[in-house]
Amino acid sequence: MLLLVCYLLAINVGALWAMAYDKGQAKRRRQRVPERTLFLLAAIGGSPGSIVGMRIWHHKTKHISFVMGMPAILVVQVVILYAILR
């Protein structure tokens, strides 16, 4: 259980950082983090961090795939977590 908590903490910090980094790169017109990578980080457990990053930095909030996709990934993850811990 502790290992799961540590993993989720680490992946969410990583997803949050990736959103911040990508926003910074966008402002500087430099090479961006691929959207596929941002979704992958969310899919492997970092959806809360990704959603928080979207809100803090107002990043990807005009992309319907992110606005709808990130919460959808989170819902699926919560259902899976519930099933595992039940």
PDB file of N, CA and C in Angstrom:
ATOM      1  N   MET A   1       0.824  -1.193   0.000  1.00  0.00           N
ATOM      2  CA  MET A   1       0.000   0.000   0.000  1.00  0.00           C
ATOM      3  C   MET A   1       0.869   1.259   0.000  1.00  0.00           C
ATOM      4  N   LEU A   2       1.927   1.241   0.825  1.00  0.00           N
ATOM      5  CA  LEU A   2       2.831   2.386   0.876  1.00  0.00           C
ATOM      6  C   LEU A   2       3.505   2.596  -0.477  1.00  0.00           C
ATOM      7  N   LEU A   3       3.842   1.513  -1.132  1.00  0.00           N
ATOM      8  CA  LEU A   3       4.474   1.601  -2.451  1.00  0.00           C
ATOM      9  C   LEU A   3       3.524   2.263  -3.459  1.00  0.00           C
ATOM     10  N   LEU A   4       2.241   1.915  -3.406  1.00  0.00           N
ATOM     11  CA  LEU A   4       1.247   2.516  -4.293  1.00  0.00           C
ATOM     12  C   LEU A   4       1.124   4.016  -4.030  1.00  0.00           C
ATOM     13  N   VAL A   5       1.079   4.398  -2.773  1.00  0.00           N
ATOM     14  CA  VAL A   5       0.976   5.815  -2.412  1.00  0.00           C
ATOM     15  C   VAL A   5       2.206   6.577  -2.912  1.00  0.00           C
ATOM     16  N   CYS A   6       3.393   6.021  -2.712  1.00  0.00           N
ATOM     17  CA  CYS A   6       4.629   6.671  -3.179  1.00  0.00           C
ATOM     18  C   CYS A   6       4.641   6.792  -4.701  1.00  0.00           C
ATOM     19  N   TYR A   7       4.205   5.740  -5.381  1.00  0.00           N
ATOM     20  CA  TYR A   7       4.143   5.775  -6.843  1.00  0.00           C
ATOM     21  C   TYR A   7       3.190   6.873  -7.315  1.00  0.00           C
ATOM     22  N   LEU A   8       1.989   6.906  -6.744  1.00  0.00           N
ATOM     23  CA  LEU A   8       1.004   7.904  -7.166  1.00  0.00           C
ATOM     24  C   LEU A   8       1.474   9.324  -6.873  1.00  0.00           C
ATOM     25  N   LEU A   9       2.133   9.513  -5.753  1.00  0.00           N
ATOM     26  CA  LEU A   9       2.683  10.826  -5.431  1.00  0.00           C
ATOM     27  C   LEU A   9       3.736  11.229  -6.460  1.00  0.00           C
ATOM     28  N   ALA A  10       4.641  10.323  -6.773  1.00  0.00           N
ATOM     29  CA  ALA A  10       5.713  10.620  -7.724  1.00  0.00           C
ATOM     30  C   ALA A  10       5.166  10.895  -9.129  1.00  0.00           C
ATOM     31  N   ILE A  11       4.246  10.083  -9.608  1.00  0.00           N
ATOM     32  CA  ILE A  11       3.736  10.261 -10.964  1.00  0.00           C
ATOM     33  C   ILE A  11       2.906  11.531 -11.071  1.00  0.00           C
ATOM     34  N   ASN A  12       2.215  11.907 -10.006  1.00  0.00           N
ATOM     35  CA  ASN A  12       1.433  13.137 -10.041  1.00  0.00           C
ATOM     36  C   ASN A  12       2.318  14.375  -9.981  1.00  0.00           C
ATOM     37  N   VAL A  13       3.385  14.319  -9.220  1.00  0.00           N
ATOM     38  CA  VAL A  13       4.353  15.424  -9.225  1.00  0.00           C
ATOM     39  C   VAL A  13       4.975  15.535 -10.615  1.00  0.00           C
ATOM     40  N   GLY A  14       5.289  14.402 -11.222  1.00  0.00           N
ATOM     41  CA  GLY A  14       5.851  14.406 -12.574  1.00  0.00           C
ATOM     42  C   GLY A  14       4.886  14.977 -13.604  1.00  0.00           C
ATOM     43  N   ALA A  15       3.618  14.613 -13.506  1.00  0.00           N
ATOM     44  CA  ALA A  15       2.608  15.123 -14.442  1.00  0.00           C
ATOM     45  C   ALA A  15       2.390  16.618 -14.250  1.00  0.00           C
ATOM     46  N   LEU A  16       2.371  17.059 -13.007  1.00  0.00           N
ATOM     47  CA  LEU A  16       2.247  18.487 -12.707  1.00  0.00           C
ATOM     48  C   LEU A  16       3.435  19.254 -13.278  1.00  0.00           C
ATOM     49  N   TRP A  17       4.632  18.728 -13.070  1.00  0.00           N
ATOM     50  CA  TRP A  17       5.837  19.355 -13.602  1.00  0.00           C
ATOM     51  C   TRP A  17       5.799  19.403 -15.133  1.00  0.00           C
ATOM     52  N   ALA A  18       5.349  18.318 -15.759  1.00  0.00           N
ATOM     53  CA  ALA A  18       5.295  18.271 -17.227  1.00  0.00           C
ATOM     54  C   ALA A  18       4.368  19.349 -17.776  1.00  0.00           C
ATOM     55  N   MET A  19       3.239  19.579 -17.121  1.00  0.00           N
ATOM     56  CA  MET A  19       2.324  20.646 -17.553  1.00  0.00           C
ATOM     57  C   MET A  19       2.986  22.018 -17.406  1.00  0.00           C
ATOM     58  N   ALA A  20       3.659  22.235 -16.278  1.00  0.00           N
ATOM     59  CA  ALA A  20       4.344  23.510 -16.052  1.00  0.00           C
ATOM     60  C   ALA A  20       5.452  23.712 -17.073  1.00  0.00           C
ATOM     61  N   TYR A  21       6.224  22.665 -17.315  1.00  0.00           N
ATOM     62  CA  TYR A  21       7.326  22.746 -18.272  1.00  0.00           C
ATOM     63  C   TYR A  21       6.805  23.038 -19.671  1.00  0.00           C
ATOM     64  N   ASP A  22       5.758  22.335 -20.074  1.00  0.00           N
ATOM     65  CA  ASP A  22       5.200  22.526 -21.412  1.00  0.00           C
ATOM     66  C   ASP A  22       4.653  23.945 -21.577  1.00  0.00           C
ATOM     67  N   LYS A  23       4.024  24.467 -20.544  1.00  0.00           N
ATOM     68  CA  LYS A  23       3.512  25.842 -20.602  1.00  0.00           C
ATOM     69  C   LYS A  23       4.676  26.826 -20.766  1.00  0.00           C
ATOM     70  N   GLY A  24       5.740  26.612 -20.020  1.00  0.00           N
ATOM     71  CA  GLY A  24       6.921  27.459 -20.157  1.00  0.00           C
ATOM     72  C   GLY A  24       7.525  27.389 -21.547  1.00  0.00           C
ATOM     73  N   GLN A  25       7.594  26.191 -22.083  1.00  0.00           N
ATOM     74  CA  GLN A  25       8.119  26.020 -23.439  1.00  0.00           C
ATOM     75  C   GLN A  25       7.213  26.710 -24.460  1.00  0.00           C
ATOM     76  N   ALA A  26       5.929  26.639 -24.260  1.00  0.00           N
ATOM     77  CA  ALA A  26       4.985  27.278 -25.180  1.00  0.00           C
ATOM     78  C   ALA A  26       5.185  28.791 -25.168  1.00  0.00           C
ATOM     79  N   LYS A  27       5.366  29.354 -23.995  1.00  0.00           N
ATOM     80  CA  LYS A  27       5.573  30.807 -23.896  1.00  0.00           C
ATOM     81  C   LYS A  27       6.861  31.240 -24.581  1.00  0.00           C
ATOM     82  N   ARG A  28       7.883  30.381 -24.513  1.00  0.00           N
ATOM     83  CA  ARG A  28       9.184  30.708 -25.121  1.00  0.00           C
ATOM     84  C   ARG A  28       9.275  30.276 -26.581  1.00  0.00           C
ATOM     85  N   ARG A  29       8.200  29.676 -27.075  1.00  0.00           N
ATOM     86  CA  ARG A  29       8.161  29.149 -28.451  1.00  0.00           C
ATOM     87  C   ARG A  29       9.318  28.174 -28.712  1.00  0.00           C
ATOM     88  N   ARG A  30       9.481  27.264 -27.772  1.00  0.00           N
ATOM     89  CA  ARG A  30      10.509  26.229 -27.886  1.00  0.00           C
ATOM     90  C   ARG A  30       9.856  24.869 -28.023  1.00  0.00           C
ATOM     91  N   GLN A  31      10.698  23.846 -28.125  1.00  0.00           N
ATOM     92  CA  GLN A  31      10.187  22.487 -28.310  1.00  0.00           C
ATOM     93  C   GLN A  31       9.291  22.086 -27.137  1.00  0.00           C
ATOM     94  N   ARG A  32       8.118  21.580 -27.473  1.00  0.00           N
ATOM     95  CA  ARG A  32       7.078  21.271 -26.497  1.00  0.00           C
ATOM     96  C   ARG A  32       7.102  19.805 -26.089  1.00  0.00           C
ATOM     97  N   VAL A  33       6.433  19.524 -25.011  1.00  0.00           N
ATOM     98  CA  VAL A  33       6.200  18.150 -24.580  1.00  0.00           C
ATOM     99  C   VAL A  33       5.073  17.612 -25.460  1.00  0.00           C
ATOM    100  N   PRO A  34       5.265  16.485 -26.109  1.00  0.00           N
ATOM    101  CA  PRO A  34       4.196  15.949 -26.962  1.00  0.00           C
ATOM    102  C   PRO A  34       2.915  15.688 -26.165  1.00  0.00           C
ATOM    103  N   GLU A  35       1.776  15.980 -26.793  1.00  0.00           N
ATOM    104  CA  GLU A  35       0.490  15.736 -26.129  1.00  0.00           C
ATOM    105  C   GLU A  35       0.351  14.271 -25.737  1.00  0.00           C
ATOM    106  N   ARG A  36       0.889  13.403 -26.551  1.00  0.00           N
ATOM    107  CA  ARG A  36       0.844  11.971 -26.256  1.00  0.00           C
ATOM    108  C   ARG A  36       1.528  11.676 -24.910  1.00  0.00           C
ATOM    109  N   THR A  37       2.639  12.354 -24.639  1.00  0.00           N
ATOM    110  CA  THR A  37       3.355  12.167 -23.377  1.00  0.00           C
ATOM    111  C   THR A  37       2.521  12.668 -22.204  1.00  0.00           C
ATOM    112  N   LEU A  38       1.871  13.821 -22.367  1.00  0.00           N
ATOM    113  CA  LEU A  38       1.023  14.357 -21.300  1.00  0.00           C
ATOM    114  C   LEU A  38      -0.123  13.403 -20.987  1.00  0.00           C
ATOM    115  N   PHE A  39      -0.719  12.829 -22.023  1.00  0.00           N
ATOM    116  CA  PHE A  39      -1.793  11.859 -21.810  1.00  0.00           C
ATOM    117  C   PHE A  39      -1.260  10.560 -21.195  1.00  0.00           C
ATOM    118  N   LEU A  40      -0.076  10.149 -21.604  1.00  0.00           N
ATOM    119  CA  LEU A  40       0.513   8.935 -21.038  1.00  0.00           C
ATOM    120  C   LEU A  40       0.760   9.106 -19.540  1.00  0.00           C
ATOM    121  N   LEU A  41       1.303  10.247 -19.142  1.00  0.00           N
ATOM    122  CA  LEU A  41       1.520  10.508 -17.720  1.00  0.00           C
ATOM    123  C   LEU A  41       0.207  10.462 -16.948  1.00  0.00           C
ATOM    124  N   ALA A  42      -0.839  11.016 -17.536  1.00  0.00           N
ATOM    125  CA  ALA A  42      -2.158  10.967 -16.894  1.00  0.00           C
ATOM    126  C   ALA A  42      -2.663   9.530 -16.815  1.00  0.00           C
ATOM    127  N   ALA A  43      -2.496   8.775 -17.884  1.00  0.00           N
ATOM    128  CA  ALA A  43      -3.026   7.413 -17.955  1.00  0.00           C
ATOM    129  C   ALA A  43      -2.345   6.456 -16.979  1.00  0.00           C
ATOM    130  N   ILE A  44      -1.087   6.704 -16.662  1.00  0.00           N
ATOM    131  CA  ILE A  44      -0.388   5.792 -15.753  1.00  0.00           C
ATOM    132  C   ILE A  44      -0.495   6.248 -14.297  1.00  0.00           C
ATOM    133  N   GLY A  45      -1.451   7.125 -14.028  1.00  0.00           N
ATOM    134  CA  GLY A  45      -1.741   7.489 -12.646  1.00  0.00           C
ATOM    135  C   GLY A  45      -1.619   8.962 -12.318  1.00  0.00           C
ATOM    136  N   GLY A  46      -1.178   9.764 -13.272  1.00  0.00           N
ATOM    137  CA  GLY A  46      -0.945  11.178 -13.001  1.00  0.00           C
ATOM    138  C   GLY A  46      -2.060  12.114 -13.398  1.00  0.00           C
ATOM    139  N   SER A  47      -3.271  11.606 -13.532  1.00  0.00           N
ATOM    140  CA  SER A  47      -4.369  12.476 -13.964  1.00  0.00           C
ATOM    141  C   SER A  47      -4.682  13.597 -12.963  1.00  0.00           C
ATOM    142  N   PRO A  48      -4.661  13.350 -11.648  1.00  0.00           N
ATOM    143  CA  PRO A  48      -4.896  14.493 -10.745  1.00  0.00           C
ATOM    144  C   PRO A  48      -3.842  15.592 -10.907  1.00  0.00           C
ATOM    145  N   GLY A  49      -2.589  15.207 -11.018  1.00  0.00           N
ATOM    146  CA  GLY A  49      -1.521  16.186 -11.221  1.00  0.00           C
ATOM    147  C   GLY A  49      -1.670  16.935 -12.529  1.00  0.00           C
ATOM    148  N   SER A  50      -2.086  16.230 -13.566  1.00  0.00           N
ATOM    149  CA  SER A  50      -2.304  16.865 -14.865  1.00  0.00           C
ATOM    150  C   SER A  50      -3.449  17.870 -14.802  1.00  0.00           C
ATOM    151  N   ILE A  51      -4.525  17.490 -14.148  1.00  0.00           N
ATOM    152  CA  ILE A  51      -5.691  18.378 -14.032  1.00  0.00           C
ATOM    153  C   ILE A  51      -5.333  19.617 -13.219  1.00  0.00           C
ATOM    154  N   VAL A  52      -4.620  19.423 -12.118  1.00  0.00           N
ATOM    155  CA  VAL A  52      -4.196  20.571 -11.305  1.00  0.00           C
ATOM    156  C   VAL A  52      -3.277  21.481 -12.122  1.00  0.00           C
ATOM    157  N   GLY A  53      -2.359  20.888 -12.874  1.00  0.00           N
ATOM    158  CA  GLY A  53      -1.468  21.675 -13.731  1.00  0.00           C
ATOM    159  C   GLY A  53      -2.220  22.461 -14.785  1.00  0.00           C
ATOM    160  N   MET A  54      -3.235  21.842 -15.351  1.00  0.00           N
ATOM    161  CA  MET A  54      -4.056  22.548 -16.339  1.00  0.00           C
ATOM    162  C   MET A  54      -4.711  23.768 -15.710  1.00  0.00           C
ATOM    163  N   ARG A  55      -5.189  23.621 -14.488  1.00  0.00           N
ATOM    164  CA  ARG A  55      -5.899  24.718 -13.809  1.00  0.00           C
ATOM    165  C   ARG A  55      -4.936  25.811 -13.339  1.00  0.00           C
ATOM    166  N   ILE A  56      -3.825  25.425 -12.754  1.00  0.00           N
ATOM    167  CA  ILE A  56      -2.876  26.418 -12.235  1.00  0.00           C
ATOM    168  C   ILE A  56      -2.317  27.281 -13.354  1.00  0.00           C
ATOM    169  N   TRP A  57      -1.848  26.635 -14.430  1.00  0.00           N
ATOM    170  CA  TRP A  57      -1.180  27.373 -15.499  1.00  0.00           C
ATOM    171  C   TRP A  57      -2.096  27.673 -16.692  1.00  0.00           C
ATOM    172  N   HIS A  58      -3.383  27.373 -16.557  1.00  0.00           N
ATOM    173  CA  HIS A  58      -4.338  27.611 -17.655  1.00  0.00           C
ATOM    174  C   HIS A  58      -3.778  27.046 -18.957  1.00  0.00           C
ATOM    175  N   HIS A  59      -3.339  25.805 -18.858  1.00  0.00           N
ATOM    176  CA  HIS A  59      -2.656  25.164 -19.985  1.00  0.00           C
ATOM    177  C   HIS A  59      -3.525  24.059 -20.560  1.00  0.00           C
ATOM    178  N   LYS A  60      -3.671  24.072 -21.860  1.00  0.00           N
ATOM    179  CA  LYS A  60      -4.461  23.081 -22.603  1.00  0.00           C
ATOM    180  C   LYS A  60      -5.948  23.178 -22.287  1.00  0.00           C
ATOM    181  N   THR A  61      -6.394  24.292 -21.741  1.00  0.00           N
ATOM    182  CA  THR A  61      -7.795  24.431 -21.349  1.00  0.00           C
ATOM    183  C   THR A  61      -8.712  24.738 -22.523  1.00  0.00           C
ATOM    184  N   LYS A  62      -8.158  25.023 -23.691  1.00  0.00           N
ATOM    185  CA  LYS A  62      -8.981  25.234 -24.887  1.00  0.00           C
ATOM    186  C   LYS A  62      -9.033  23.985 -25.766  1.00  0.00           C
ATOM    187  N   HIS A  63      -8.309  22.956 -25.357  1.00  0.00           N
ATOM    188  CA  HIS A  63      -8.283  21.706 -26.116  1.00  0.00           C
ATOM    189  C   HIS A  63      -9.322  20.768 -25.526  1.00  0.00           C
ATOM    190  N   ILE A  64     -10.365  20.503 -26.259  1.00  0.00           N
ATOM    191  CA  ILE A  64     -11.457  19.658 -25.764  1.00  0.00           C
ATOM    192  C   ILE A  64     -10.960  18.268 -25.386  1.00  0.00           C
ATOM    193  N   SER A  65      -9.938  17.783 -26.087  1.00  0.00           N
ATOM    194  CA  SER A  65      -9.402  16.460 -25.758  1.00  0.00           C
ATOM    195  C   SER A  65      -8.813  16.442 -24.352  1.00  0.00           C
ATOM    196  N   PHE A  66      -8.252  17.551 -23.906  1.00  0.00           N
ATOM    197  CA  PHE A  66      -7.709  17.629 -22.547  1.00  0.00           C
ATOM    198  C   PHE A  66      -8.807  17.940 -21.530  1.00  0.00           C
ATOM    199  N   VAL A  67      -9.680  18.870 -21.869  1.00  0.00           N
ATOM    200  CA  VAL A  67     -10.745  19.279 -20.949  1.00  0.00           C
ATOM    201  C   VAL A  67     -11.666  18.097 -20.624  1.00  0.00           C
ATOM    202  N   MET A  68     -11.950  17.261 -21.594  1.00  0.00           N
ATOM    203  CA  MET A  68     -12.812  16.102 -21.372  1.00  0.00           C
ATOM    204  C   MET A  68     -11.995  14.843 -21.052  1.00  0.00           C
ATOM    205  N   GLY A  69     -10.836  14.723 -21.673  1.00  0.00           N
ATOM    206  CA  GLY A  69     -10.037  13.505 -21.542  1.00  0.00           C
ATOM    207  C   GLY A  69      -9.415  13.303 -20.178  1.00  0.00           C
ATOM    208  N   MET A  70      -8.845  14.352 -19.612  1.00  0.00           N
ATOM    209  CA  MET A  70      -8.190  14.206 -18.305  1.00  0.00           C
ATOM    210  C   MET A  70      -9.183  13.798 -17.210  1.00  0.00           C
ATOM    211  N   PRO A  71     -10.329  14.459 -17.098  1.00  0.00           N
ATOM    212  CA  PRO A  71     -11.300  13.991 -16.092  1.00  0.00           C
ATOM    213  C   PRO A  71     -11.817  12.569 -16.377  1.00  0.00           C
ATOM    214  N   ALA A  72     -11.962  12.218 -17.652  1.00  0.00           N
ATOM    215  CA  ALA A  72     -12.411  10.866 -17.995  1.00  0.00           C
ATOM    216  C   ALA A  72     -11.384   9.826 -17.539  1.00  0.00           C
ATOM    217  N   ILE A  73     -10.122  10.129 -17.740  1.00  0.00           N
ATOM    218  CA  ILE A  73      -9.058   9.224 -17.279  1.00  0.00           C
ATOM    219  C   ILE A  73      -9.111   9.101 -15.764  1.00  0.00           C
ATOM    220  N   LEU A  74      -9.307  10.218 -15.077  1.00  0.00           N
ATOM    221  CA  LEU A  74      -9.392  10.207 -13.617  1.00  0.00           C
ATOM    222  C   LEU A  74     -10.548   9.339 -13.137  1.00  0.00           C
ATOM    223  N   VAL A  75     -11.703   9.441 -13.768  1.00  0.00           N
ATOM    224  CA  VAL A  75     -12.860   8.631 -13.372  1.00  0.00           C
ATOM    225  C   VAL A  75     -12.539   7.144 -13.529  1.00  0.00           C
ATOM    226  N   VAL A  76     -11.943   6.782 -14.637  1.00  0.00           N
ATOM    227  CA  VAL A  76     -11.578   5.377 -14.865  1.00  0.00           C
ATOM    228  C   VAL A  76     -10.594   4.915 -13.794  1.00  0.00           C
ATOM    229  N   GLN A  77      -9.625   5.757 -13.467  1.00  0.00           N
ATOM    230  CA  GLN A  77      -8.636   5.383 -12.455  1.00  0.00           C
ATOM    231  C   GLN A  77      -9.267   5.226 -11.073  1.00  0.00           C
ATOM    232  N   VAL A  78     -10.191   6.089 -10.736  1.00  0.00           N
ATOM    233  CA  VAL A  78     -10.873   5.982  -9.439  1.00  0.00           C
ATOM    234  C   VAL A  78     -11.669   4.680  -9.374  1.00  0.00           C
ATOM    235  N   VAL A  79     -12.352   4.335 -10.447  1.00  0.00           N
ATOM    236  CA  VAL A  79     -13.120   3.079 -10.486  1.00  0.00           C
ATOM    237  C   VAL A  79     -12.178   1.893 -10.331  1.00  0.00           C
ATOM    238  N   ILE A  80     -11.053   1.911 -11.030  1.00  0.00           N
ATOM    239  CA  ILE A  80     -10.076   0.808 -10.917  1.00  0.00           C
ATOM    240  C   ILE A  80      -9.508   0.732  -9.505  1.00  0.00           C
ATOM    241  N   LEU A  81      -9.152   1.869  -8.932  1.00  0.00           N
ATOM    242  CA  LEU A  81      -8.608   1.899  -7.575  1.00  0.00           C
ATOM    243  C   LEU A  81      -9.636   1.367  -6.571  1.00  0.00           C
ATOM    244  N   TYR A  82     -10.871   1.771  -6.754  1.00  0.00           N
ATOM    245  CA  TYR A  82     -11.950   1.281  -5.875  1.00  0.00           C
ATOM    246  C   TYR A  82     -12.065  -0.239  -5.975  1.00  0.00           C
ATOM    247  N   ALA A  83     -12.018  -0.752  -7.196  1.00  0.00           N
ATOM    248  CA  ALA A  83     -12.133  -2.202  -7.398  1.00  0.00           C
ATOM    249  C   ALA A  83     -10.965  -2.943  -6.772  1.00  0.00           C
ATOM    250  N   ILE A  84      -9.783  -2.361  -6.840  1.00  0.00           N
ATOM    251  CA  ILE A  84      -8.587  -3.009  -6.261  1.00  0.00           C
ATOM    252  C   ILE A  84      -8.656  -3.010  -4.738  1.00  0.00           C
ATOM    253  N   LEU A  85      -9.056  -1.896  -4.167  1.00  0.00           N
ATOM    254  CA  LEU A  85      -9.029  -1.754  -2.710  1.00  0.00           C
ATOM    255  C   LEU A  85     -10.260  -2.322  -2.020  1.00  0.00           C
ATOM    256  N   ARG A  86     -11.250  -2.693  -2.771  1.00  0.00           N
ATOM    257  CA  ARG A  86     -12.495  -3.197  -2.201  1.00  0.00           C
ATOM    258  C   ARG A  86     -12.348  -4.567  -1.634  1.00  0.00           C
TER     259      ARG A  86
END
